PDB file of N, CA and C in Angstrom:
ATOM      1  N   UNK A   1       0.852  -1.221   0.035  1.00  0.00           N
ATOM      2  CA  UNK A   1      -0.087  -0.089  -0.066  1.00  0.00           C
ATOM      3  C   UNK A   1       0.851   1.275   0.028  1.00  0.00           C
ATOM      4  N   UNK A   2       0.703   2.188  -0.902  1.00  0.00           N
ATOM      5  CA  UNK A   2       1.383   3.354  -1.079  1.00  0.00           C
ATOM      6  C   UNK A   2       1.260   4.185   0.230  1.00  0.00           C
ATOM      7  N   UNK A   3       1.905   5.142   0.346  1.00  0.00           N
ATOM      8  CA  UNK A   3       1.830   6.182   1.459  1.00  0.00           C
ATOM      9  C   UNK A   3       0.467   6.900   1.450  1.00  0.00           C
ATOM     10  N   UNK A   4       0.064   7.356   0.353  1.00  0.00           N
ATOM     11  CA  UNK A   4      -1.156   7.892   0.211  1.00  0.00           C
ATOM     12  C   UNK A   4      -2.339   7.049   0.417  1.00  0.00           C
ATOM     13  N   UNK A   5      -2.275   5.805   0.017  1.00  0.00           N
ATOM     14  CA  UNK A   5      -3.263   4.821   0.404  1.00  0.00           C
ATOM     15  C   UNK A   5      -3.445   4.522   1.809  1.00  0.00           C
ATOM     16  N   UNK A   6      -2.287   4.482   2.532  1.00  0.00           N
ATOM     17  CA  UNK A   6      -1.997   4.236   3.772  1.00  0.00           C
ATOM     18  C   UNK A   6      -2.791   5.412   4.727  1.00  0.00           C
ATOM     19  N   UNK A   7      -2.464   6.675   4.256  1.00  0.00           N
ATOM     20  CA  UNK A   7      -3.030   7.859   4.975  1.00  0.00           C
ATOM     21  C   UNK A   7      -4.727   7.848   4.759  1.00  0.00           C
ATOM     22  N   UNK A   8      -5.016   7.761   3.522  1.00  0.00           N
ATOM     23  CA  UNK A   8      -6.527   7.513   3.284  1.00  0.00           C
ATOM     24  C   UNK A   8      -7.210   6.276   4.180  1.00  0.00           C
ATOM     25  N   UNK A   9      -6.511   5.349   4.161  1.00  0.00           N
ATOM     26  CA  UNK A   9      -7.075   4.065   4.916  1.00  0.00           C
ATOM     27  C   UNK A   9      -7.077   4.547   6.471  1.00  0.00           C
ATOM     28  N   UNK A  10      -6.070   5.054   6.966  1.00  0.00           N
ATOM     29  CA  UNK A  10      -6.072   5.512   8.398  1.00  0.00           C
ATOM     30  C   UNK A  10      -7.425   6.413   8.509  1.00  0.00           C
ATOM     31  N   UNK A  11      -7.519   7.523   7.740  1.00  0.00           N
ATOM     32  CA  UNK A  11      -8.491   8.300   7.950  1.00  0.00           C
ATOM     33  C   UNK A  11      -9.821   7.908   7.829  1.00  0.00           C
ATOM     34  N   UNK A  12      -9.987   6.847   6.846  1.00  0.00           N
ATOM     35  CA  UNK A  12     -11.420   6.089   6.674  1.00  0.00           C
ATOM     36  C   UNK A  12     -11.771   5.366   8.067  1.00  0.00           C
ATOM     37  N   UNK A  13     -10.608   4.766   8.640  1.00  0.00           N
ATOM     38  CA  UNK A  13     -10.881   3.923   9.847  1.00  0.00           C
ATOM     39  C   UNK A  13     -11.010   4.698  10.922  1.00  0.00           C
ATOM     40  N   UNK A  14     -10.503   5.942  11.067  1.00  0.00           N
ATOM     41  CA  UNK A  14     -10.555   6.832  12.328  1.00  0.00           C
ATOM     42  C   UNK A  14     -11.716   7.530  12.545  1.00  0.00           C
ATOM     43  N   UNK A  15     -12.651   7.761  11.462  1.00  0.00           N
ATOM     44  CA  UNK A  15     -13.762   8.571  11.645  1.00  0.00           C
ATOM     45  C   UNK A  15     -14.889   7.801  11.322  1.00  0.00           C
ATOM     46  N   UNK A  16     -15.890   8.014  12.283  1.00  0.00           N
ATOM     47  CA  UNK A  16     -17.320   7.307  12.104  1.00  0.00           C
ATOM     48  C   UNK A  16     -18.024   7.724  10.651  1.00  0.00           C
ATOM     49  N   UNK A  17     -17.968   9.112  10.396  1.00  0.00           N
ATOM     50  CA  UNK A  17     -18.636   9.431   9.220  1.00  0.00           C
ATOM     51  C   UNK A  17     -17.566  10.494   8.544  1.00  0.00           C
ATOM     52  N   UNK A  18     -17.112  10.051   7.250  1.00  0.00           N
ATOM     53  CA  UNK A  18     -16.025  10.688   6.547  1.00  0.00           C
ATOM     54  C   UNK A  18     -16.242  10.851   5.106  1.00  0.00           C
ATOM     55  N   UNK A  19     -16.553  12.083   4.808  1.00  0.00           N
ATOM     56  CA  UNK A  19     -16.766  12.576   3.341  1.00  0.00           C
ATOM     57  C   UNK A  19     -15.546  13.031   2.744  1.00  0.00           C
ATOM     58  N   UNK A  20     -15.114  12.483   1.703  1.00  0.00           N
ATOM     59  CA  UNK A  20     -14.020  13.011   0.770  1.00  0.00           C
ATOM     60  C   UNK A  20     -14.942  13.926  -0.162  1.00  0.00           C
ATOM     61  N   UNK A  21     -14.620  15.218  -0.135  1.00  0.00           N
ATOM     62  CA  UNK A  21     -15.465  16.245  -1.088  1.00  0.00           C
ATOM     63  C   UNK A  21     -14.528  17.255  -1.484  1.00  0.00           C
ATOM     64  N   UNK A  22     -15.098  18.073  -2.358  1.00  0.00           N
ATOM     65  CA  UNK A  22     -14.515  19.357  -2.799  1.00  0.00           C
ATOM     66  C   UNK A  22     -14.998  20.496  -1.832  1.00  0.00           C
ATOM     67  N   UNK A  23     -14.145  21.138  -1.008  1.00  0.00           N
ATOM     68  CA  UNK A  23     -14.435  22.109  -0.182  1.00  0.00           C
ATOM     69  C   UNK A  23     -14.623  21.561   1.342  1.00  0.00           C
ATOM     70  N   UNK A  24     -15.459  22.152   2.059  1.00  0.00           N
ATOM     71  CA  UNK A  24     -15.689  21.781   3.506  1.00  0.00           C
ATOM     72  C   UNK A  24     -17.253  21.692   3.605  1.00  0.00           C
ATOM     73  N   UNK A  25     -17.656  20.937   4.734  1.00  0.00           N
ATOM     74  CA  UNK A  25     -18.988  21.074   5.227  1.00  0.00           C
ATOM     75  C   UNK A  25     -19.519  22.313   5.179  1.00  0.00           C
ATOM     76  N   UNK A  26     -18.915  23.369   5.643  1.00  0.00           N
ATOM     77  CA  UNK A  26     -19.516  24.618   5.815  1.00  0.00           C
ATOM     78  C   UNK A  26     -19.390  25.534   4.399  1.00  0.00           C
ATOM     79  N   UNK A  27     -18.496  25.129   3.646  1.00  0.00           N
ATOM     80  CA  UNK A  27     -18.320  25.906   2.426  1.00  0.00           C
ATOM     81  C   UNK A  27     -17.966  24.801   1.155  1.00  0.00           C
ATOM     82  N   UNK A  28     -19.041  23.959   0.890  1.00  0.00           N
ATOM     83  CA  UNK A  28     -18.713  23.040  -0.313  1.00  0.00           C
ATOM     84  C   UNK A  28     -18.453  23.786  -1.617  1.00  0.00           C
ATOM     85  N   UNK A  29     -17.481  23.110  -2.427  1.00  0.00           N
ATOM     86  CA  UNK A  29     -16.947  23.993  -3.473  1.00  0.00           C
ATOM     87  C   UNK A  29     -17.464  23.243  -4.925  1.00  0.00           C
ATOM     88  N   UNK A  30     -18.532  22.327  -4.801  1.00  0.00           N
ATOM     89  CA  UNK A  30     -19.270  21.871  -5.867  1.00  0.00           C
ATOM     90  C   UNK A  30     -20.594  21.490  -5.460  1.00  0.00           C
ATOM     91  N   UNK A  31     -21.415  21.333  -6.589  1.00  0.00           N
ATOM     92  CA  UNK A  31     -22.796  21.037  -6.227  1.00  0.00           C
ATOM     93  C   UNK A  31     -23.130  19.705  -5.672  1.00  0.00           C
ATOM     94  N   UNK A  32     -22.309  18.728  -6.271  1.00  0.00           N
ATOM     95  CA  UNK A  32     -22.381  17.325  -5.598  1.00  0.00           C
ATOM     96  C   UNK A  32     -21.958  17.264  -4.178  1.00  0.00           C
ATOM     97  N   UNK A  33     -20.955  17.894  -3.904  1.00  0.00           N
ATOM     98  CA  UNK A  33     -20.415  17.971  -2.504  1.00  0.00           C
ATOM     99  C   UNK A  33     -21.381  18.669  -1.583  1.00  0.00           C
ATOM    100  N   UNK A  34     -21.913  19.659  -2.011  1.00  0.00           N
ATOM    101  CA  UNK A  34     -22.960  20.290  -1.179  1.00  0.00           C
ATOM    102  C   UNK A  34     -24.045  19.440  -0.997  1.00  0.00           C
ATOM    103  N   UNK A  35     -24.701  18.798  -2.039  1.00  0.00           N
ATOM    104  CA  UNK A  35     -25.759  17.924  -2.007  1.00  0.00           C
ATOM    105  C   UNK A  35     -25.527  16.758  -0.977  1.00  0.00           C
ATOM    106  N   UNK A  36     -24.238  16.200  -1.027  1.00  0.00           N
ATOM    107  CA  UNK A  36     -23.673  15.122  -0.089  1.00  0.00           C
ATOM    108  C   UNK A  36     -23.991  15.722   1.373  1.00  0.00           C
ATOM    109  N   UNK A  37     -23.481  16.735   1.727  1.00  0.00           N
ATOM    110  CA  UNK A  37     -23.589  17.429   3.188  1.00  0.00           C
ATOM    111  C   UNK A  37     -25.088  17.512   3.558  1.00  0.00           C
ATOM    112  N   UNK A  38     -25.811  18.042   2.382  1.00  0.00           N
ATOM    113  CA  UNK A  38     -27.351  18.284   2.711  1.00  0.00           C
ATOM    114  C   UNK A  38     -28.103  16.959   3.046  1.00  0.00           C
ATOM    115  N   UNK A  39     -27.828  15.949   2.268  1.00  0.00           N
ATOM    116  CA  UNK A  39     -28.411  14.530   2.568  1.00  0.00           C
ATOM    117  C   UNK A  39     -28.036  14.084   3.970  1.00  0.00           C
ATOM    118  N   UNK A  40     -26.701  14.208   4.497  1.00  0.00           N
ATOM    119  CA  UNK A  40     -26.305  13.956   5.756  1.00  0.00           C
ATOM    120  C   UNK A  40     -26.993  14.596   6.672  1.00  0.00           C
ATOM    121  N   UNK A  41     -27.212  15.876   6.529  1.00  0.00           N
ATOM    122  CA  UNK A  41     -27.831  16.772   7.583  1.00  0.00           C
ATOM    123  C   UNK A  41     -29.371  16.269   7.601  1.00  0.00           C
ATOM    124  N   UNK A  42     -29.977  16.028   6.329  1.00  0.00           N
ATOM    125  CA  UNK A  42     -31.344  15.489   6.316  1.00  0.00           C
ATOM    126  C   UNK A  42     -31.539  14.110   7.059  1.00  0.00           C
ATOM    127  N   UNK A  43     -30.498  13.497   7.181  1.00  0.00           N
ATOM    128  CA  UNK A  43     -30.536  12.109   7.871  1.00  0.00           C
ATOM    129  C   UNK A  43     -30.300  12.370   9.386  1.00  0.00           C
ATOM    130  N   UNK A  44     -30.217  13.526   9.859  1.00  0.00           N
ATOM    131  CA  UNK A  44     -30.046  13.899  11.253  1.00  0.00           C
ATOM    132  C   UNK A  44     -28.619  13.937  11.682  1.00  0.00           C
ATOM    133  N   UNK A  45     -27.734  13.837  10.830  1.00  0.00           N
ATOM    134  CA  UNK A  45     -26.349  13.970  11.338  1.00  0.00           C
ATOM    135  C   UNK A  45     -25.917  15.386  11.457  1.00  0.00           C
ATOM    136  N   UNK A  46     -25.384  15.646  12.778  1.00  0.00           N
ATOM    137  CA  UNK A  46     -24.977  17.008  12.944  1.00  0.00           C
ATOM    138  C   UNK A  46     -23.595  17.243  12.179  1.00  0.00           C
ATOM    139  N   UNK A  47     -23.685  18.481  11.770  1.00  0.00           N
ATOM    140  CA  UNK A  47     -22.321  18.871  10.946  1.00  0.00           C
ATOM    141  C   UNK A  47     -20.934  18.598  11.665  1.00  0.00           C
ATOM    142  N   UNK A  48     -20.851  18.795  12.900  1.00  0.00           N
ATOM    143  CA  UNK A  48     -19.834  18.728  13.814  1.00  0.00           C
ATOM    144  C   UNK A  48     -19.387  17.058  13.808  1.00  0.00           C
ATOM    145  N   UNK A  49     -20.263  16.274  13.595  1.00  0.00           N
ATOM    146  CA  UNK A  49     -20.070  14.761  13.509  1.00  0.00           C
ATOM    147  C   UNK A  49     -19.710  14.304  11.931  1.00  0.00           C
ATOM    148  N   UNK A  50     -19.778  15.133  11.133  1.00  0.00           N
ATOM    149  CA  UNK A  50     -19.092  14.740   9.682  1.00  0.00           C
ATOM    150  C   UNK A  50     -17.689  15.113   9.426  1.00  0.00           C
ATOM    151  N   UNK A  51     -16.905  14.313   9.498  1.00  0.00           N
ATOM    152  CA  UNK A  51     -15.432  14.408   9.190  1.00  0.00           C
ATOM    153  C   UNK A  51     -15.343  14.711   7.658  1.00  0.00           C
ATOM    154  N   UNK A  52     -14.674  15.747   7.313  1.00  0.00           N
ATOM    155  CA  UNK A  52     -14.421  15.923   5.706  1.00  0.00           C
ATOM    156  C   UNK A  52     -12.923  16.038   5.491  1.00  0.00           C
ATOM    157  N   UNK A  53     -12.714  15.613   4.141  1.00  0.00           N
ATOM    158  CA  UNK A  53     -11.420  15.800   3.623  1.00  0.00           C
ATOM    159  C   UNK A  53     -11.506  16.628   2.169  1.00  0.00           C
ATOM    160  N   UNK A  54     -10.969  17.751   2.300  1.00  0.00           N
ATOM    161  CA  UNK A  54     -10.999  18.634   0.937  1.00  0.00           C
ATOM    162  C   UNK A  54     -10.024  18.081  -0.064  1.00  0.00           C
ATOM    163  N   UNK A  55     -10.470  17.596  -1.020  1.00  0.00           N
ATOM    164  CA  UNK A  55      -9.604  16.732  -2.095  1.00  0.00           C
ATOM    165  C   UNK A  55      -8.953  17.968  -2.913  1.00  0.00           C
ATOM    166  N   UNK A  56      -9.451  19.029  -2.912  1.00  0.00           N
ATOM    167  CA  UNK A  56      -8.755  20.286  -3.653  1.00  0.00           C
ATOM    168  C   UNK A  56      -7.439  20.661  -2.989  1.00  0.00           C
ATOM    169  N   UNK A  57      -7.316  20.431  -1.597  1.00  0.00           N
ATOM    170  CA  UNK A  57      -6.200  20.755  -0.888  1.00  0.00           C
ATOM    171  C   UNK A  57      -4.863  19.957  -1.161  1.00  0.00           C
ATOM    172  N   UNK A  58      -5.176  18.671  -1.819  1.00  0.00           N
ATOM    173  CA  UNK A  58      -4.076  17.800  -2.059  1.00  0.00           C
ATOM    174  C   UNK A  58      -4.378  16.775  -3.173  1.00  0.00           C
ATOM    175  N   UNK A  59      -3.732  17.174  -4.272  1.00  0.00           N
ATOM    176  CA  UNK A  59      -3.838  16.336  -5.678  1.00  0.00           C
ATOM    177  C   UNK A  59      -3.748  14.904  -5.415  1.00  0.00           C
ATOM    178  N   UNK A  60      -2.759  14.442  -4.512  1.00  0.00           N
ATOM    179  CA  UNK A  60      -2.389  12.893  -4.183  1.00  0.00           C
ATOM    180  C   UNK A  60      -3.632  12.509  -3.578  1.00  0.00           C
ATOM    181  N   UNK A  61      -4.274  13.131  -2.612  1.00  0.00           N
ATOM    182  CA  UNK A  61      -5.501  12.420  -2.095  1.00  0.00           C
ATOM    183  C   UNK A  61      -6.650  12.471  -3.125  1.00  0.00           C
ATOM    184  N   UNK A  62      -6.764  13.539  -4.076  1.00  0.00           N
ATOM    185  CA  UNK A  62      -7.893  13.577  -5.027  1.00  0.00           C
ATOM    186  C   UNK A  62      -7.534  12.531  -5.966  1.00  0.00           C
ATOM    187  N   UNK A  63      -6.551  12.120  -6.251  1.00  0.00           N
ATOM    188  CA  UNK A  63      -6.438  10.826  -7.151  1.00  0.00           C
ATOM    189  C   UNK A  63      -6.526   9.495  -6.306  1.00  0.00           C
ATOM    190  N   UNK A  64      -5.819   9.589  -5.261  1.00  0.00           N
ATOM    191  CA  UNK A  64      -5.689   8.435  -4.290  1.00  0.00           C
ATOM    192  C   UNK A  64      -7.076   7.883  -3.803  1.00  0.00           C
ATOM    193  N   UNK A  65      -7.923   8.676  -3.587  1.00  0.00           N
ATOM    194  CA  UNK A  65      -9.204   8.314  -3.064  1.00  0.00           C
ATOM    195  C   UNK A  65      -9.991   7.664  -4.109  1.00  0.00           C
ATOM    196  N   UNK A  66      -9.745   7.947  -5.390  1.00  0.00           N
ATOM    197  CA  UNK A  66     -10.472   7.190  -6.542  1.00  0.00           C
ATOM    198  C   UNK A  66      -9.856   5.973  -6.662  1.00  0.00           C
ATOM    199  N   UNK A  67      -8.604   5.857  -6.537  1.00  0.00           N
ATOM    200  CA  UNK A  67      -7.822   4.426  -6.453  1.00  0.00           C
ATOM    201  C   UNK A  67      -8.446   3.565  -5.356  1.00  0.00           C
ATOM    202  N   UNK A  68      -8.315   3.971  -4.138  1.00  0.00           N
ATOM    203  CA  UNK A  68      -8.739   3.506  -2.950  1.00  0.00           C
ATOM    204  C   UNK A  68     -10.094   2.823  -2.983  1.00  0.00           C
ATOM    205  N   UNK A  69     -10.953   3.508  -3.504  1.00  0.00           N
ATOM    206  CA  UNK A  69     -12.348   3.078  -3.486  1.00  0.00           C
ATOM    207  C   UNK A  69     -12.637   2.291  -4.855  1.00  0.00           C
ATOM    208  N   UNK A  70     -11.896   2.353  -5.889  1.00  0.00           N
ATOM    209  CA  UNK A  70     -12.193   2.023  -7.226  1.00  0.00           C
ATOM    210  C   UNK A  70     -13.468   2.647  -7.646  1.00  0.00           C
ATOM    211  N   UNK A  71     -13.573   4.008  -7.137  1.00  0.00           N
ATOM    212  CA  UNK A  71     -14.722   4.708  -7.578  1.00  0.00           C
ATOM    213  C   UNK A  71     -14.326   6.058  -8.246  1.00  0.00           C
ATOM    214  N   UNK A  72     -14.865   6.420  -9.323  1.00  0.00           N
ATOM    215  CA  UNK A  72     -14.226   7.541 -10.229  1.00  0.00           C
ATOM    216  C   UNK A  72     -14.542   9.012  -9.758  1.00  0.00           C
ATOM    217  N   UNK A  73     -15.553   9.325  -8.932  1.00  0.00           N
ATOM    218  CA  UNK A  73     -15.964  10.621  -8.683  1.00  0.00           C
ATOM    219  C   UNK A  73     -15.897  10.949  -7.156  1.00  0.00           C
ATOM    220  N   UNK A  74     -15.974  12.295  -7.048  1.00  0.00           N
ATOM    221  CA  UNK A  74     -16.021  12.863  -5.700  1.00  0.00           C
ATOM    222  C   UNK A  74     -17.300  13.540  -5.629  1.00  0.00           C
ATOM    223  N   UNK A  75     -18.067  13.633  -4.593  1.00  0.00           N
ATOM    224  CA  UNK A  75     -17.714  13.198  -3.140  1.00  0.00           C
ATOM    225  C   UNK A  75     -17.655  11.606  -3.153  1.00  0.00           C
ATOM    226  N   UNK A  76     -17.179  11.195  -1.936  1.00  0.00           N
ATOM    227  CA  UNK A  76     -17.305   9.699  -1.512  1.00  0.00           C
ATOM    228  C   UNK A  76     -17.408   9.681  -0.081  1.00  0.00           C
ATOM    229  N   UNK A  77     -18.558   8.975   0.354  1.00  0.00           N
ATOM    230  CA  UNK A  77     -18.919   8.929   1.746  1.00  0.00           C
ATOM    231  C   UNK A  77     -18.516   7.410   2.377  1.00  0.00           C
ATOM    232  N   UNK A  78     -17.738   7.608   3.471  1.00  0.00           N
ATOM    233  CA  UNK A  78     -17.380   6.361   4.255  1.00  0.00           C
ATOM    234  C   UNK A  78     -18.121   6.460   5.580  1.00  0.00           C
ATOM    235  N   UNK A  79     -18.946   5.192   6.042  1.00  0.00           N
ATOM    236  CA  UNK A  79     -19.422   5.272   7.260  1.00  0.00           C
ATOM    237  C   UNK A  79     -18.888   3.992   8.007  1.00  0.00           C
ATOM    238  N   UNK A  80     -18.247   4.317   9.163  1.00  0.00           N
ATOM    239  CA  UNK A  80     -17.531   3.327  10.086  1.00  0.00           C
ATOM    240  C   UNK A  80     -16.555   2.304   9.089  1.00  0.00           C
ATOM    241  N   UNK A  81     -15.977   2.917   8.261  1.00  0.00           N
ATOM    242  CA  UNK A  81     -14.839   2.290   7.499  1.00  0.00           C
ATOM    243  C   UNK A  81     -15.354   1.677   6.315  1.00  0.00           C
ATOM    244  N   UNK A  82     -16.549   1.750   5.847  1.00  0.00           N
ATOM    245  CA  UNK A  82     -17.194   1.267   4.805  1.00  0.00           C
ATOM    246  C   UNK A  82     -17.564   2.287   3.771  1.00  0.00           C
ATOM    247  N   UNK A  83     -17.065   1.956   2.507  1.00  0.00           N
ATOM    248  CA  UNK A  83     -17.543   2.836   1.389  1.00  0.00           C
ATOM    249  C   UNK A  83     -19.020   2.791   1.074  1.00  0.00           C
ATOM    250  N   UNK A  84     -19.670   3.997   1.184  1.00  0.00           N
ATOM    251  CA  UNK A  84     -21.138   4.010   0.964  1.00  0.00           C
ATOM    252  C   UNK A  84     -21.303   4.269  -0.666  1.00  0.00           C
ATOM    253  N   UNK A  85     -20.666   5.480  -1.045  1.00  0.00           N
ATOM    254  CA  UNK A  85     -21.089   5.671  -2.488  1.00  0.00           C
ATOM    255  C   UNK A  85     -20.958   7.427  -2.535  1.00  0.00           C
ATOM    256  N   UNK A  86     -21.257   7.801  -3.816  1.00  0.00           N
ATOM    257  CA  UNK A  86     -21.392   9.169  -4.128  1.00  0.00           C
ATOM    258  C   UNK A  86     -22.705   9.731  -3.878  1.00  0.00           C
ATOM    259  N   UNK A  87     -22.823  11.037  -4.237  1.00  0.00           N
ATOM    260  CA  UNK A  87     -24.013  11.721  -3.951  1.00  0.00           C
ATOM    261  C   UNK A  87     -25.218  11.220  -4.547  1.00  0.00           C
ATOM    262  N   UNK A  88     -25.165  10.630  -5.868  1.00  0.00           N
ATOM    263  CA  UNK A  88     -26.330  10.109  -6.398  1.00  0.00           C
ATOM    264  C   UNK A  88     -26.746   8.724  -5.558  1.00  0.00           C
ATOM    265  N   UNK A  89     -25.838   7.961  -5.201  1.00  0.00           N
ATOM    266  CA  UNK A  89     -26.171   6.727  -4.291  1.00  0.00           C
ATOM    267  C   UNK A  89     -26.595   7.105  -2.984  1.00  0.00           C
ATOM    268  N   UNK A  90     -26.128   8.201  -2.394  1.00  0.00           N
ATOM    269  CA  UNK A  90     -26.471   8.632  -1.113  1.00  0.00           C
ATOM    270  C   UNK A  90     -28.099   9.078  -1.263  1.00  0.00           C
ATOM    271  N   UNK A  91     -28.356   9.880  -2.284  1.00  0.00           N
ATOM    272  CA  UNK A  91     -29.791  10.246  -2.558  1.00  0.00           C
ATOM    273  C   UNK A  91     -30.719   9.091  -2.652  1.00  0.00           C
ATOM    274  N   UNK A  92     -30.305   8.161  -3.406  1.00  0.00           N
ATOM    275  CA  UNK A  92     -31.048   6.739  -3.517  1.00  0.00           C
ATOM    276  C   UNK A  92     -31.379   6.128  -2.215  1.00  0.00           C
ATOM    277  N   UNK A  93     -30.248   6.043  -1.421  1.00  0.00           N
ATOM    278  CA  UNK A  93     -30.333   5.479  -0.136  1.00  0.00           C
ATOM    279  C   UNK A  93     -31.167   6.309   0.874  1.00  0.00           C
ATOM    280  N   UNK A  94     -31.147   7.667   0.776  1.00  0.00           N
ATOM    281  CA  UNK A  94     -31.854   8.423   1.591  1.00  0.00           C
ATOM    282  C   UNK A  94     -33.240   8.294   1.318  1.00  0.00           C
ATOM    283  N   UNK A  95     -33.757   8.307   0.017  1.00  0.00           N
ATOM    284  CA  UNK A  95     -35.197   8.207  -0.335  1.00  0.00           C
ATOM    285  C   UNK A  95     -35.777   6.897   0.026  1.00  0.00           C
ATOM    286  N   UNK A  96     -34.807   5.866  -0.017  1.00  0.00           N
ATOM    287  CA  UNK A  96     -35.374   4.581   0.491  1.00  0.00           C
ATOM    288  C   UNK A  96     -35.408   4.447   1.981  1.00  0.00           C
ATOM    289  N   UNK A  97     -34.714   5.167   2.691  1.00  0.00           N
ATOM    290  CA  UNK A  97     -34.577   5.186   4.196  1.00  0.00           C
ATOM    291  C   UNK A  97     -33.383   4.298   4.739  1.00  0.00           C
ATOM    292  N   UNK A  98     -32.654   3.824   3.580  1.00  0.00           N
ATOM    293  CA  UNK A  98     -31.377   3.023   3.971  1.00  0.00           C
ATOM    294  C   UNK A  98     -30.339   3.925   4.631  1.00  0.00           C
ATOM    295  N   UNK A  99     -30.004   5.087   4.158  1.00  0.00           N
ATOM    296  CA  UNK A  99     -28.927   5.823   4.571  1.00  0.00           C
ATOM    297  C   UNK A  99     -29.123   6.302   6.100  1.00  0.00           C
ATOM    298  N   UNK A 100     -30.409   6.459   6.299  1.00  0.00           N
ATOM    299  CA  UNK A 100     -30.648   7.060   7.814  1.00  0.00           C
ATOM    300  C   UNK A 100     -30.116   5.859   8.666  1.00  0.00           C
ATOM    301  N   UNK A 101     -30.485   4.726   8.377  1.00  0.00           N
ATOM    302  CA  UNK A 101     -30.165   3.486   9.222  1.00  0.00           C
ATOM    303  C   UNK A 101     -28.696   3.471   9.260  1.00  0.00           C
ATOM    304  N   UNK A 102     -27.908   3.621   8.281  1.00  0.00           N
ATOM    305  CA  UNK A 102     -26.463   3.436   8.272  1.00  0.00           C
ATOM    306  C   UNK A 102     -25.816   4.565   9.119  1.00  0.00           C
ATOM    307  N   UNK A 103     -26.282   5.698   9.048  1.00  0.00           N
ATOM    308  CA  UNK A 103     -25.624   6.724   9.693  1.00  0.00           C
ATOM    309  C   UNK A 103     -26.020   6.967  10.972  1.00  0.00           C
ATOM    310  N   UNK A 104     -27.082   6.294  11.459  1.00  0.00           N
ATOM    311  CA  UNK A 104     -27.735   6.648  12.868  1.00  0.00           C
ATOM    312  C   UNK A 104     -26.576   6.073  13.887  1.00  0.00           C
ATOM    313  N   UNK A 105     -26.405   6.842  14.974  1.00  0.00           N
ATOM    314  CA  UNK A 105     -25.427   6.431  15.918  1.00  0.00           C
ATOM    315  C   UNK A 105     -25.658   5.042  16.443  1.00  0.00           C
ATOM    316  N   UNK A 106     -24.664   4.176  16.704  1.00  0.00           N
ATOM    317  CA  UNK A 106     -24.605   2.815  17.208  1.00  0.00           C
ATOM    318  C   UNK A 106     -24.635   2.957  18.670  1.00  0.00           C
ATOM    319  N   UNK A 107     -25.671   2.101  19.257  1.00  0.00           N
ATOM    320  CA  UNK A 107     -25.756   2.115  20.866  1.00  0.00           C
ATOM    321  C   UNK A 107     -24.709   1.520  21.346  1.00  0.00           C
TER     322      UNK A 107
END
């Protein structure tokens, strides 16, 4: 595993809810990233409980996360170390009620 893959893996495993996105939760830099944050908030996740990585800050991370997940687009959501998907998948899961169950705090 390369250094960047190791850094990504550690971040994924260290955070309950982690969103690789363009910008930040308080200032998304693309529509898809903004939509991903809004979906998480609609699921009842408080903004302070969403860890984010701004892929615009580091080109290695921007490419590395695509390799790590084998998923070509940003944003990418991870919950408890598991890859969930991008904003379209998040929306589908939200509409079906599945995402709310995944992001709900574990007792």
